[in-house]
């Protein structure tokens, strides 16, 4: 009798899930995972059709988010696992392992940086500032990390002034659920830059704008329900009066795109998110001093804090534009040149174009 009840319960369970799968409307986007969900594929006589159908059902499984959360909680809290699908949580911070150290990638970064450096003139002053990813500040023998000492020592092959932020930043300067650092904590980075670069540090007043519903890139991957974080972006009259040119978004000319706060990635409020080539004109600065930043996404939140010191700042993200193309938009003369990348990009430099 007991076996019969179990069998009937199982059949009812499967039947109800089938019904729920039919009546529940398909979501187009998973906000927690920051991605578009698979749509039901058009029938074609090809080998991938069944795989695509399988992906569709996995993406639209009834109560999928709830089951992901239950599984993650079980792994972390019951099984006491250190990670769940490569995601590690400690002291409310979420980390993703970037192990192992990719020596070929580091050498590739050096080669590509030297290629760009060869395009510069003798009047360009060059600087290298590497942002340690927040894994650097996690002291836990159970968490595998890249060899940061090897990475930084390897970059000494690049002949330019180094700005080392390892002792300037700490874990609390980063978001708990995201890879990036917090803009409101970066004044000390500007101070370190001023000591190496030719500008005088100033204490600048900013207005703090607070967005209370920020979920970082690791939030969805962790599948653990938690309260959102605060994202703060800083403004003043100089920032507000800047004129900005974006290569891709030609109709937008501001430093902060506040419409992006409600997008899949709220961090894109800074400099409109991913953009290959940006020019920022500060007409309140008459020094004619210019800065060019070769960068990844970490520069998006830092750059607004540098605007006061320059008449013009140009940002080039060579994950999206090659040297052959960005030379169509810039002429190098006597600008300061800053190569600013995170250790995440250097250990995965295949994302950079030549």
C-alpha atoms as a PDB file:
ATOM      1  CA  UNK A   1       0.000   0.000   0.000  1.00  0.00           C
ATOM      2  CA  UNK A   2       2.823   2.354   0.891  1.00  0.00           C
ATOM      3  CA  UNK A   3       4.548   1.721  -2.451  1.00  0.00           C
ATOM      4  CA  UNK A   4       1.267   2.392  -4.270  1.00  0.00           C
ATOM      5  CA  UNK A   5       0.868   5.776  -2.521  1.00  0.00           C
ATOM      6  CA  UNK A   6       4.427   6.717  -3.415  1.00  0.00           C
ATOM      7  CA  UNK A   7       3.862   5.747  -7.064  1.00  0.00           C
ATOM      8  CA  UNK A   8       0.584   7.677  -7.318  1.00  0.00           C
ATOM      9  CA  UNK A   9       2.165  10.713  -5.631  1.00  0.00           C
ATOM     10  CA  UNK A  10       5.053  10.621  -8.072  1.00  0.00           C
ATOM     11  CA  UNK A  11       2.707  10.413 -11.080  1.00  0.00           C
ATOM     12  CA  UNK A  12       0.637  13.341  -9.744  1.00  0.00           C
ATOM     13  CA  UNK A  13       3.858  15.285  -9.136  1.00  0.00           C
ATOM     14  CA  UNK A  14       5.042  14.750 -12.726  1.00  0.00           C
ATOM     15  CA  UNK A  15       1.566  15.548 -14.094  1.00  0.00           C
ATOM     16  CA  UNK A  16       1.318  18.812 -12.148  1.00  0.00           C
ATOM     17  CA  UNK A  17       4.752  19.911 -13.283  1.00  0.00           C
ATOM     18  CA  UNK A  18       3.699  19.262 -16.866  1.00  0.00           C
ATOM     19  CA  UNK A  19       0.593  21.390 -16.334  1.00  0.00           C
ATOM     20  CA  UNK A  20       2.600  24.178 -14.708  1.00  0.00           C
ATOM     21  CA  UNK A  21       5.052  24.065 -17.605  1.00  0.00           C
ATOM     22  CA  UNK A  22       2.172  24.680 -20.029  1.00  0.00           C
ATOM     23  CA  UNK A  23       0.218  27.363 -18.158  1.00  0.00           C
ATOM     24  CA  UNK A  24       3.125  29.402 -16.750  1.00  0.00           C
ATOM     25  CA  UNK A  25       4.189  32.060 -19.209  1.00  0.00           C
ATOM     26  CA  UNK A  26       7.774  31.769 -20.441  1.00  0.00           C
ATOM     27  CA  UNK A  27      10.133  34.416 -19.117  1.00  0.00           C
ATOM     28  CA  UNK A  28      12.397  36.038 -21.681  1.00  0.00           C
ATOM     29  CA  UNK A  29      15.159  37.071 -19.309  1.00  0.00           C
ATOM     30  CA  UNK A  30      16.709  35.678 -16.146  1.00  0.00           C
ATOM     31  CA  UNK A  31      17.546  38.804 -14.161  1.00  0.00           C
ATOM     32  CA  UNK A  32      19.394  36.853 -11.493  1.00  0.00           C
ATOM     33  CA  UNK A  33      21.672  35.209 -14.077  1.00  0.00           C
ATOM     34  CA  UNK A  34      21.837  38.302 -16.307  1.00  0.00           C
ATOM     35  CA  UNK A  35      21.048  36.454 -19.510  1.00  0.00           C
ATOM     36  CA  UNK A  36      18.331  35.812 -22.035  1.00  0.00           C
ATOM     37  CA  UNK A  37      16.558  32.510 -21.639  1.00  0.00           C
ATOM     38  CA  UNK A  38      16.341  30.045 -24.492  1.00  0.00           C
ATOM     39  CA  UNK A  39      13.282  30.259 -26.738  1.00  0.00           C
ATOM     40  CA  UNK A  40      11.639  27.167 -28.154  1.00  0.00           C
ATOM     41  CA  UNK A  41      13.605  26.285 -31.313  1.00  0.00           C
ATOM     42  CA  UNK A  42      12.099  26.136 -34.765  1.00  0.00           C
ATOM     43  CA  UNK A  43      11.991  22.555 -36.004  1.00  0.00           C
ATOM     44  CA  UNK A  44      14.831  21.698 -38.359  1.00  0.00           C
ATOM     45  CA  UNK A  45      16.270  18.407 -39.529  1.00  0.00           C
ATOM     46  CA  UNK A  46      19.608  18.815 -37.798  1.00  0.00           C
ATOM     47  CA  UNK A  47      21.463  17.154 -34.941  1.00  0.00           C
ATOM     48  CA  UNK A  48      21.330  20.204 -32.638  1.00  0.00           C
ATOM     49  CA  UNK A  49      17.547  20.415 -32.605  1.00  0.00           C
ATOM     50  CA  UNK A  50      17.078  17.992 -29.693  1.00  0.00           C
ATOM     51  CA  UNK A  51      19.872  19.694 -27.745  1.00  0.00           C
ATOM     52  CA  UNK A  52      18.176  23.072 -28.258  1.00  0.00           C
ATOM     53  CA  UNK A  53      14.838  21.654 -27.083  1.00  0.00           C
ATOM     54  CA  UNK A  54      16.572  20.267 -24.014  1.00  0.00           C
ATOM     55  CA  UNK A  55      18.112  23.711 -23.282  1.00  0.00           C
ATOM     56  CA  UNK A  56      14.669  25.281 -23.603  1.00  0.00           C
ATOM     57  CA  UNK A  57      13.086  22.943 -21.042  1.00  0.00           C
ATOM     58  CA  UNK A  58      16.010  23.418 -18.643  1.00  0.00           C
ATOM     59  CA  UNK A  59      15.582  27.206 -18.856  1.00  0.00           C
ATOM     60  CA  UNK A  60      11.801  27.091 -18.382  1.00  0.00           C
ATOM     61  CA  UNK A  61      11.514  24.378 -15.769  1.00  0.00           C
ATOM     62  CA  UNK A  62       8.667  25.347 -13.357  1.00  0.00           C
ATOM     63  CA  UNK A  63       9.939  27.078 -10.205  1.00  0.00           C
ATOM     64  CA  UNK A  64      13.464  26.836 -11.582  1.00  0.00           C
ATOM     65  CA  UNK A  65      14.825  29.705  -9.486  1.00  0.00           C
ATOM     66  CA  UNK A  66      13.420  28.159  -6.304  1.00  0.00           C
ATOM     67  CA  UNK A  67      15.073  24.823  -7.016  1.00  0.00           C
ATOM     68  CA  UNK A  68      18.389  26.539  -7.794  1.00  0.00           C
ATOM     69  CA  UNK A  69      18.212  28.320  -4.451  1.00  0.00           C
ATOM     70  CA  UNK A  70      17.310  25.121  -2.550  1.00  0.00           C
ATOM     71  CA  UNK A  71      20.188  23.227  -4.166  1.00  0.00           C
ATOM     72  CA  UNK A  72      22.699  25.986  -3.380  1.00  0.00           C
ATOM     73  CA  UNK A  73      21.506  26.303   0.238  1.00  0.00           C
ATOM     74  CA  UNK A  74      21.733  22.540   0.672  1.00  0.00           C
ATOM     75  CA  UNK A  75      25.302  22.455  -0.690  1.00  0.00           C
ATOM     76  CA  UNK A  76      26.503  25.378   1.433  1.00  0.00           C
ATOM     77  CA  UNK A  77      24.591  24.851   4.669  1.00  0.00           C
ATOM     78  CA  UNK A  78      23.939  21.099   4.910  1.00  0.00           C
ATOM     79  CA  UNK A  79      26.847  19.548   3.047  1.00  0.00           C
ATOM     80  CA  UNK A  80      29.203  22.360   4.148  1.00  0.00           C
ATOM     81  CA  UNK A  81      30.646  22.549   0.656  1.00  0.00           C
ATOM     82  CA  UNK A  82      33.120  25.354   0.009  1.00  0.00           C
ATOM     83  CA  UNK A  83      31.642  26.178  -3.372  1.00  0.00           C
ATOM     84  CA  UNK A  84      28.620  25.618  -5.547  1.00  0.00           C
ATOM     85  CA  UNK A  85      29.322  25.527  -9.288  1.00  0.00           C
ATOM     86  CA  UNK A  86      32.588  27.394  -8.744  1.00  0.00           C
ATOM     87  CA  UNK A  87      31.029  30.077  -6.537  1.00  0.00           C
ATOM     88  CA  UNK A  88      32.415  30.513  -3.005  1.00  0.00           C
ATOM     89  CA  UNK A  89      30.774  32.513  -0.204  1.00  0.00           C
ATOM     90  CA  UNK A  90      32.571  33.797   2.873  1.00  0.00           C
ATOM     91  CA  UNK A  91      31.576  36.573   5.299  1.00  0.00           C
ATOM     92  CA  UNK A  92      28.709  37.506   2.983  1.00  0.00           C
ATOM     93  CA  UNK A  93      31.098  38.097   0.054  1.00  0.00           C
ATOM     94  CA  UNK A  94      30.730  36.033  -3.100  1.00  0.00           C
ATOM     95  CA  UNK A  95      33.842  34.918  -4.974  1.00  0.00           C
ATOM     96  CA  UNK A  96      34.479  33.025  -8.184  1.00  0.00           C
ATOM     97  CA  UNK A  97      37.718  31.119  -8.542  1.00  0.00           C
ATOM     98  CA  UNK A  98      39.973  32.254 -11.395  1.00  0.00           C
ATOM     99  CA  UNK A  99      42.497  29.466 -10.864  1.00  0.00           C
ATOM    100  CA  UNK A 100      44.887  28.473 -12.431  1.00  0.00           C
ATOM    101  CA  UNK A 101      47.448  31.097 -13.431  1.00  0.00           C
ATOM    102  CA  UNK A 102      47.581  31.331 -17.225  1.00  0.00           C
ATOM    103  CA  UNK A 103      51.197  32.148 -18.090  1.00  0.00           C
ATOM    104  CA  UNK A 104      50.473  32.236 -21.831  1.00  0.00           C
ATOM    105  CA  UNK A 105      47.693  34.735 -21.235  1.00  0.00           C
ATOM    106  CA  UNK A 106      49.985  36.993 -19.183  1.00  0.00           C
ATOM    107  CA  UNK A 107      52.624  36.915 -21.925  1.00  0.00           C
ATOM    108  CA  UNK A 108      49.926  37.599 -24.499  1.00  0.00           C
ATOM    109  CA  UNK A 109      48.848  40.660 -22.507  1.00  0.00           C
ATOM    110  CA  UNK A 110      52.442  41.913 -22.448  1.00  0.00           C
ATOM    111  CA  UNK A 111      52.777  41.456 -26.218  1.00  0.00           C
ATOM    112  CA  UNK A 112      49.510  43.248 -26.985  1.00  0.00           C
ATOM    113  CA  UNK A 113      50.355  46.105 -24.610  1.00  0.00           C
ATOM    114  CA  UNK A 114      53.771  46.523 -26.188  1.00  0.00           C
ATOM    115  CA  UNK A 115      52.126  46.592 -29.599  1.00  0.00           C
ATOM    116  CA  UNK A 116      49.952  49.518 -28.511  1.00  0.00           C
ATOM    117  CA  UNK A 117      52.939  51.199 -26.851  1.00  0.00           C
ATOM    118  CA  UNK A 118      54.791  51.054 -30.183  1.00  0.00           C
ATOM    119  CA  UNK A 119      52.075  53.291 -31.677  1.00  0.00           C
ATOM    120  CA  UNK A 120      52.782  56.076 -29.192  1.00  0.00           C
ATOM    121  CA  UNK A 121      55.186  59.000 -29.492  1.00  0.00           C
ATOM    122  CA  UNK A 122      58.132  59.980 -27.320  1.00  0.00           C
ATOM    123  CA  UNK A 123      55.971  62.732 -25.832  1.00  0.00           C
ATOM    124  CA  UNK A 124      53.505  60.242 -24.356  1.00  0.00           C
ATOM    125  CA  UNK A 125      54.055  59.350 -20.706  1.00  0.00           C
ATOM    126  CA  UNK A 126      52.968  55.764 -20.065  1.00  0.00           C
ATOM    127  CA  UNK A 127      51.600  54.235 -16.857  1.00  0.00           C
ATOM    128  CA  UNK A 128      50.450  50.760 -15.906  1.00  0.00           C
ATOM    129  CA  UNK A 129      47.855  50.307 -13.157  1.00  0.00           C
ATOM    130  CA  UNK A 130      46.648  46.781 -12.474  1.00  0.00           C
ATOM    131  CA  UNK A 131      43.524  46.368 -10.348  1.00  0.00           C
ATOM    132  CA  UNK A 132      43.641  43.206  -8.208  1.00  0.00           C
ATOM    133  CA  UNK A 133      40.395  41.277  -8.375  1.00  0.00           C
ATOM    134  CA  UNK A 134      38.783  40.806  -4.980  1.00  0.00           C
ATOM    135  CA  UNK A 135      39.984  37.196  -4.767  1.00  0.00           C
ATOM    136  CA  UNK A 136      43.381  38.702  -3.914  1.00  0.00           C
ATOM    137  CA  UNK A 137      42.005  39.785  -0.541  1.00  0.00           C
ATOM    138  CA  UNK A 138      40.442  36.443   0.363  1.00  0.00           C
ATOM    139  CA  UNK A 139      42.665  34.608   2.817  1.00  0.00           C
ATOM    140  CA  UNK A 140      41.407  31.047   2.763  1.00  0.00           C
ATOM    141  CA  UNK A 141      43.526  27.985   2.061  1.00  0.00           C
ATOM    142  CA  UNK A 142      40.485  26.165   0.658  1.00  0.00           C
ATOM    143  CA  UNK A 143      40.077  28.722  -2.117  1.00  0.00           C
ATOM    144  CA  UNK A 144      42.354  28.313  -5.138  1.00  0.00           C
ATOM    145  CA  UNK A 145      43.856  31.558  -6.433  1.00  0.00           C
ATOM    146  CA  UNK A 146      46.092  32.611  -9.269  1.00  0.00           C
ATOM    147  CA  UNK A 147      49.720  33.392  -8.443  1.00  0.00           C
ATOM    148  CA  UNK A 148      49.460  37.157  -8.042  1.00  0.00           C
ATOM    149  CA  UNK A 149      53.149  37.595  -7.321  1.00  0.00           C
ATOM    150  CA  UNK A 150      54.017  35.844 -10.574  1.00  0.00           C
ATOM    151  CA  UNK A 151      51.504  37.967 -12.485  1.00  0.00           C
ATOM    152  CA  UNK A 152      52.738  41.290 -11.110  1.00  0.00           C
ATOM    153  CA  UNK A 153      56.411  40.353 -11.442  1.00  0.00           C
ATOM    154  CA  UNK A 154      55.846  39.329 -15.053  1.00  0.00           C
ATOM    155  CA  UNK A 155      54.432  42.749 -15.831  1.00  0.00           C
ATOM    156  CA  UNK A 156      57.751  44.335 -14.881  1.00  0.00           C
ATOM    157  CA  UNK A 157      58.763  43.462 -18.437  1.00  0.00           C
ATOM    158  CA  UNK A 158      56.615  46.404 -19.537  1.00  0.00           C
ATOM    159  CA  UNK A 159      58.708  49.572 -19.604  1.00  0.00           C
ATOM    160  CA  UNK A 160      56.339  52.091 -18.030  1.00  0.00           C
ATOM    161  CA  UNK A 161      55.647  53.639 -14.635  1.00  0.00           C
ATOM    162  CA  UNK A 162      53.795  51.176 -12.391  1.00  0.00           C
ATOM    163  CA  UNK A 163      50.985  52.125 -10.011  1.00  0.00           C
ATOM    164  CA  UNK A 164      50.482  49.278  -7.546  1.00  0.00           C
ATOM    165  CA  UNK A 165      47.071  49.200  -5.831  1.00  0.00           C
ATOM    166  CA  UNK A 166      47.447  45.990  -3.855  1.00  0.00           C
ATOM    167  CA  UNK A 167      48.070  47.782  -0.573  1.00  0.00           C
ATOM    168  CA  UNK A 168      45.741  50.665  -1.409  1.00  0.00           C
ATOM    169  CA  UNK A 169      42.560  48.639  -1.816  1.00  0.00           C
ATOM    170  CA  UNK A 170      40.974  46.090   0.490  1.00  0.00           C
ATOM    171  CA  UNK A 171      38.097  43.629   0.306  1.00  0.00           C
ATOM    172  CA  UNK A 172      35.561  46.146   1.613  1.00  0.00           C
ATOM    173  CA  UNK A 173      36.201  48.388  -1.392  1.00  0.00           C
ATOM    174  CA  UNK A 174      34.468  45.772  -3.566  1.00  0.00           C
ATOM    175  CA  UNK A 175      30.813  44.847  -3.892  1.00  0.00           C
ATOM    176  CA  UNK A 176      29.767  41.707  -2.067  1.00  0.00           C
ATOM    177  CA  UNK A 177      27.951  40.277  -5.091  1.00  0.00           C
ATOM    178  CA  UNK A 178      30.020  41.720  -7.937  1.00  0.00           C
ATOM    179  CA  UNK A 179      33.546  41.791  -9.346  1.00  0.00           C
ATOM    180  CA  UNK A 180      33.897  45.586  -9.318  1.00  0.00           C
ATOM    181  CA  UNK A 181      35.018  48.065  -6.702  1.00  0.00           C
ATOM    182  CA  UNK A 182      32.795  50.798  -5.263  1.00  0.00           C
ATOM    183  CA  UNK A 183      33.165  54.249  -6.744  1.00  0.00           C
ATOM    184  CA  UNK A 184      32.694  56.019  -3.404  1.00  0.00           C
ATOM    185  CA  UNK A 185      35.810  54.212  -2.075  1.00  0.00           C
ATOM    186  CA  UNK A 186      38.142  55.199  -4.916  1.00  0.00           C
ATOM    187  CA  UNK A 187      39.383  58.599  -3.794  1.00  0.00           C
ATOM    188  CA  UNK A 188      42.439  56.863  -2.318  1.00  0.00           C
ATOM    189  CA  UNK A 189      43.141  55.359  -5.752  1.00  0.00           C
ATOM    190  CA  UNK A 190      43.088  58.850  -7.279  1.00  0.00           C
ATOM    191  CA  UNK A 191      45.541  59.936  -4.581  1.00  0.00           C
ATOM    192  CA  UNK A 192      47.926  57.074  -5.455  1.00  0.00           C
ATOM    193  CA  UNK A 193      47.661  57.978  -9.128  1.00  0.00           C
ATOM    194  CA  UNK A 194      48.479  61.621  -8.405  1.00  0.00           C
ATOM    195  CA  UNK A 195      51.764  60.577  -6.764  1.00  0.00           C
ATOM    196  CA  UNK A 196      52.863  58.735  -9.899  1.00  0.00           C
ATOM    197  CA  UNK A 197      51.268  60.910 -12.565  1.00  0.00           C
ATOM    198  CA  UNK A 198      51.682  64.615 -13.146  1.00  0.00           C
ATOM    199  CA  UNK A 199      48.605  66.062 -11.437  1.00  0.00           C
ATOM    200  CA  UNK A 200      47.978  67.573  -8.008  1.00  0.00           C
ATOM    201  CA  UNK A 201      45.496  65.701  -5.856  1.00  0.00           C
ATOM    202  CA  UNK A 202      42.490  67.689  -4.648  1.00  0.00           C
ATOM    203  CA  UNK A 203      39.779  66.927  -2.125  1.00  0.00           C
ATOM    204  CA  UNK A 204      36.674  67.233  -4.264  1.00  0.00           C
ATOM    205  CA  UNK A 205      33.108  67.438  -3.022  1.00  0.00           C
ATOM    206  CA  UNK A 206      30.643  65.044  -4.631  1.00  0.00           C
ATOM    207  CA  UNK A 207      26.963  64.448  -4.313  1.00  0.00           C
ATOM    208  CA  UNK A 208      26.169  60.797  -3.573  1.00  0.00           C
ATOM    209  CA  UNK A 209      23.342  59.294  -5.620  1.00  0.00           C
ATOM    210  CA  UNK A 210      22.161  56.001  -4.132  1.00  0.00           C
ATOM    211  CA  UNK A 211      20.548  53.126  -5.996  1.00  0.00           C
ATOM    212  CA  UNK A 212      19.255  50.611  -3.458  1.00  0.00           C
ATOM    213  CA  UNK A 213      18.560  47.617  -5.676  1.00  0.00           C
ATOM    214  CA  UNK A 214      21.945  46.502  -7.006  1.00  0.00           C
ATOM    215  CA  UNK A 215      22.588  42.808  -7.593  1.00  0.00           C
ATOM    216  CA  UNK A 216      26.075  41.987  -8.877  1.00  0.00           C
ATOM    217  CA  UNK A 217      27.119  39.435 -11.455  1.00  0.00           C
ATOM    218  CA  UNK A 218      27.771  36.768  -8.795  1.00  0.00           C
ATOM    219  CA  UNK A 219      24.346  37.077  -7.192  1.00  0.00           C
ATOM    220  CA  UNK A 220      22.587  34.952  -9.797  1.00  0.00           C
ATOM    221  CA  UNK A 221      25.429  32.468 -10.042  1.00  0.00           C
ATOM    222  CA  UNK A 222      25.354  31.861  -6.299  1.00  0.00           C
ATOM    223  CA  UNK A 223      21.572  31.158  -6.413  1.00  0.00           C
ATOM    224  CA  UNK A 224      21.344  32.303  -2.784  1.00  0.00           C
ATOM    225  CA  UNK A 225      18.537  34.720  -1.947  1.00  0.00           C
ATOM    226  CA  UNK A 226      19.790  37.859  -0.244  1.00  0.00           C
ATOM    227  CA  UNK A 227      19.106  41.565   0.084  1.00  0.00           C
ATOM    228  CA  UNK A 228      20.355  43.883  -2.680  1.00  0.00           C
ATOM    229  CA  UNK A 229      23.353  46.155  -2.226  1.00  0.00           C
ATOM    230  CA  UNK A 230      23.639  49.902  -2.569  1.00  0.00           C
ATOM    231  CA  UNK A 231      25.260  51.267  -5.709  1.00  0.00           C
ATOM    232  CA  UNK A 232      26.470  54.858  -5.388  1.00  0.00           C
ATOM    233  CA  UNK A 233      27.468  57.145  -8.238  1.00  0.00           C
ATOM    234  CA  UNK A 234      29.119  60.491  -7.533  1.00  0.00           C
ATOM    235  CA  UNK A 235      28.265  63.783  -9.211  1.00  0.00           C
ATOM    236  CA  UNK A 236      29.357  67.400  -9.099  1.00  0.00           C
ATOM    237  CA  UNK A 237      29.038  70.390 -11.413  1.00  0.00           C
ATOM    238  CA  UNK A 238      32.125  69.444 -13.406  1.00  0.00           C
ATOM    239  CA  UNK A 239      30.883  65.927 -14.107  1.00  0.00           C
ATOM    240  CA  UNK A 240      27.390  67.166 -14.937  1.00  0.00           C
ATOM    241  CA  UNK A 241      28.686  69.748 -17.410  1.00  0.00           C
ATOM    242  CA  UNK A 242      30.956  67.360 -19.340  1.00  0.00           C
ATOM    243  CA  UNK A 243      30.227  66.491 -22.953  1.00  0.00           C
ATOM    244  CA  UNK A 244      30.764  62.821 -23.762  1.00  0.00           C
ATOM    245  CA  UNK A 245      31.037  61.102 -27.138  1.00  0.00           C
ATOM    246  CA  UNK A 246      30.318  57.370 -27.309  1.00  0.00           C
ATOM    247  CA  UNK A 247      31.264  55.539 -30.483  1.00  0.00           C
ATOM    248  CA  UNK A 248      28.290  53.160 -30.284  1.00  0.00           C
ATOM    249  CA  UNK A 249      25.689  55.339 -28.545  1.00  0.00           C
ATOM    250  CA  UNK A 250      25.872  58.544 -30.564  1.00  0.00           C
ATOM    251  CA  UNK A 251      22.678  60.035 -29.102  1.00  0.00           C
ATOM    252  CA  UNK A 252      23.879  59.983 -25.501  1.00  0.00           C
ATOM    253  CA  UNK A 253      26.396  62.522 -24.129  1.00  0.00           C
ATOM    254  CA  UNK A 254      26.483  62.239 -20.339  1.00  0.00           C
ATOM    255  CA  UNK A 255      28.888  60.577 -17.899  1.00  0.00           C
ATOM    256  CA  UNK A 256      26.172  58.522 -16.202  1.00  0.00           C
ATOM    257  CA  UNK A 257      23.383  56.718 -18.027  1.00  0.00           C
ATOM    258  CA  UNK A 258      20.797  56.521 -15.272  1.00  0.00           C
ATOM    259  CA  UNK A 259      18.471  54.455 -17.461  1.00  0.00           C
ATOM    260  CA  UNK A 260      20.935  51.597 -17.039  1.00  0.00           C
ATOM    261  CA  UNK A 261      20.155  51.354 -13.317  1.00  0.00           C
ATOM    262  CA  UNK A 262      17.128  49.219 -14.138  1.00  0.00           C
ATOM    263  CA  UNK A 263      18.907  47.117 -16.773  1.00  0.00           C
ATOM    264  CA  UNK A 264      20.356  43.618 -16.355  1.00  0.00           C
ATOM    265  CA  UNK A 265      23.595  45.194 -15.103  1.00  0.00           C
ATOM    266  CA  UNK A 266      23.158  48.348 -13.000  1.00  0.00           C
ATOM    267  CA  UNK A 267      26.934  48.887 -13.013  1.00  0.00           C
ATOM    268  CA  UNK A 268      26.491  50.092 -16.595  1.00  0.00           C
ATOM    269  CA  UNK A 269      25.261  53.408 -15.159  1.00  0.00           C
ATOM    270  CA  UNK A 270      28.961  54.330 -15.245  1.00  0.00           C
ATOM    271  CA  UNK A 271      29.900  55.571 -18.722  1.00  0.00           C
ATOM    272  CA  UNK A 272      27.021  53.710 -20.381  1.00  0.00           C
ATOM    273  CA  UNK A 273      28.533  50.271 -19.792  1.00  0.00           C
ATOM    274  CA  UNK A 274      30.451  48.444 -22.500  1.00  0.00           C
ATOM    275  CA  UNK A 275      31.755  50.911 -25.070  1.00  0.00           C
ATOM    276  CA  UNK A 276      34.786  50.588 -27.303  1.00  0.00           C
ATOM    277  CA  UNK A 277      35.730  54.274 -27.620  1.00  0.00           C
ATOM    278  CA  UNK A 278      34.701  57.239 -25.433  1.00  0.00           C
ATOM    279  CA  UNK A 279      35.756  60.888 -25.391  1.00  0.00           C
ATOM    280  CA  UNK A 280      35.034  63.052 -22.332  1.00  0.00           C
ATOM    281  CA  UNK A 281      35.419  66.817 -22.694  1.00  0.00           C
ATOM    282  CA  UNK A 282      35.783  68.907 -19.545  1.00  0.00           C
ATOM    283  CA  UNK A 283      35.359  72.519 -20.624  1.00  0.00           C
ATOM    284  CA  UNK A 284      35.926  73.702 -17.048  1.00  0.00           C
ATOM    285  CA  UNK A 285      39.581  72.661 -17.257  1.00  0.00           C
ATOM    286  CA  UNK A 286      41.803  74.904 -19.396  1.00  0.00           C
ATOM    287  CA  UNK A 287      45.056  73.039 -18.898  1.00  0.00           C
ATOM    288  CA  UNK A 288      44.842  71.250 -22.277  1.00  0.00           C
ATOM    289  CA  UNK A 289      46.069  68.200 -20.373  1.00  0.00           C
ATOM    290  CA  UNK A 290      44.774  64.935 -21.849  1.00  0.00           C
ATOM    291  CA  UNK A 291      44.576  61.374 -20.586  1.00  0.00           C
ATOM    292  CA  UNK A 292      44.089  58.230 -22.666  1.00  0.00           C
ATOM    293  CA  UNK A 293      43.035  55.085 -20.806  1.00  0.00           C
ATOM    294  CA  UNK A 294      43.313  51.622 -22.315  1.00  0.00           C
ATOM    295  CA  UNK A 295      40.963  49.780 -20.072  1.00  0.00           C
ATOM    296  CA  UNK A 296      38.396  47.203 -19.030  1.00  0.00           C
ATOM    297  CA  UNK A 297      35.152  47.760 -17.096  1.00  0.00           C
ATOM    298  CA  UNK A 298      36.903  48.735 -13.836  1.00  0.00           C
ATOM    299  CA  UNK A 299      37.828  52.092 -15.370  1.00  0.00           C
ATOM    300  CA  UNK A 300      34.158  52.991 -15.877  1.00  0.00           C
ATOM    301  CA  UNK A 301      33.583  53.869 -12.223  1.00  0.00           C
ATOM    302  CA  UNK A 302      37.038  55.374 -11.611  1.00  0.00           C
ATOM    303  CA  UNK A 303      37.202  57.697 -14.632  1.00  0.00           C
ATOM    304  CA  UNK A 304      34.536  60.172 -13.442  1.00  0.00           C
ATOM    305  CA  UNK A 305      36.772  60.914 -10.433  1.00  0.00           C
ATOM    306  CA  UNK A 306      39.633  61.866 -12.787  1.00  0.00           C
ATOM    307  CA  UNK A 307      37.640  64.333 -14.882  1.00  0.00           C
ATOM    308  CA  UNK A 308      38.524  67.370 -12.756  1.00  0.00           C
ATOM    309  CA  UNK A 309      42.224  66.921 -13.540  1.00  0.00           C
ATOM    310  CA  UNK A 310      42.026  66.826 -17.337  1.00  0.00           C
ATOM    311  CA  UNK A 311      40.598  68.805 -20.240  1.00  0.00           C
ATOM    312  CA  UNK A 312      39.919  65.607 -22.134  1.00  0.00           C
ATOM    313  CA  UNK A 313      39.870  61.919 -21.280  1.00  0.00           C
ATOM    314  CA  UNK A 314      39.719  59.235 -23.966  1.00  0.00           C
ATOM    315  CA  UNK A 315      38.867  55.643 -23.073  1.00  0.00           C
ATOM    316  CA  UNK A 316      39.692  52.737 -25.364  1.00  0.00           C
ATOM    317  CA  UNK A 317      38.419  49.268 -24.520  1.00  0.00           C
ATOM    318  CA  UNK A 318      40.400  46.942 -26.736  1.00  0.00           C
ATOM    319  CA  UNK A 319      38.177  44.031 -25.874  1.00  0.00           C
ATOM    320  CA  UNK A 320      35.833  45.586 -28.435  1.00  0.00           C
ATOM    321  CA  UNK A 321      38.081  47.559 -30.804  1.00  0.00           C
ATOM    322  CA  UNK A 322      41.416  46.714 -32.413  1.00  0.00           C
ATOM    323  CA  UNK A 323      44.402  49.022 -32.842  1.00  0.00           C
ATOM    324  CA  UNK A 324      43.717  49.193 -36.565  1.00  0.00           C
ATOM    325  CA  UNK A 325      40.303  50.665 -35.801  1.00  0.00           C
ATOM    326  CA  UNK A 326      40.934  52.979 -32.845  1.00  0.00           C
ATOM    327  CA  UNK A 327      43.702  54.723 -34.806  1.00  0.00           C
ATOM    328  CA  UNK A 328      40.901  56.099 -36.985  1.00  0.00           C
ATOM    329  CA  UNK A 329      39.637  58.111 -34.015  1.00  0.00           C
ATOM    330  CA  UNK A 330      42.729  59.286 -32.162  1.00  0.00           C
ATOM    331  CA  UNK A 331      46.108  60.840 -32.862  1.00  0.00           C
ATOM    332  CA  UNK A 332      48.773  60.362 -30.230  1.00  0.00           C
ATOM    333  CA  UNK A 333      50.896  63.376 -29.314  1.00  0.00           C
ATOM    334  CA  UNK A 334      51.631  64.438 -25.730  1.00  0.00           C
ATOM    335  CA  UNK A 335      48.799  62.744 -23.775  1.00  0.00           C
ATOM    336  CA  UNK A 336      49.278  60.762 -20.590  1.00  0.00           C
ATOM    337  CA  UNK A 337      48.651  57.101 -21.405  1.00  0.00           C
ATOM    338  CA  UNK A 338      47.274  54.814 -18.703  1.00  0.00           C
ATOM    339  CA  UNK A 339      46.962  51.065 -19.194  1.00  0.00           C
ATOM    340  CA  UNK A 340      44.390  50.075 -16.581  1.00  0.00           C
ATOM    341  CA  UNK A 341      43.252  46.459 -16.395  1.00  0.00           C
ATOM    342  CA  UNK A 342      42.106  44.030 -13.743  1.00  0.00           C
ATOM    343  CA  UNK A 343      43.991  40.835 -13.015  1.00  0.00           C
ATOM    344  CA  UNK A 344      40.892  39.020 -14.332  1.00  0.00           C
ATOM    345  CA  UNK A 345      41.539  40.354 -17.838  1.00  0.00           C
ATOM    346  CA  UNK A 346      45.285  39.785 -17.724  1.00  0.00           C
ATOM    347  CA  UNK A 347      44.732  36.137 -16.814  1.00  0.00           C
ATOM    348  CA  UNK A 348      42.195  35.915 -19.671  1.00  0.00           C
ATOM    349  CA  UNK A 349      43.815  38.233 -22.216  1.00  0.00           C
ATOM    350  CA  UNK A 350      42.389  36.330 -25.169  1.00  0.00           C
ATOM    351  CA  UNK A 351      39.459  38.770 -24.794  1.00  0.00           C
ATOM    352  CA  UNK A 352      41.743  41.622 -25.958  1.00  0.00           C
ATOM    353  CA  UNK A 353      41.998  42.464 -29.618  1.00  0.00           C
ATOM    354  CA  UNK A 354      45.367  42.977 -31.248  1.00  0.00           C
END
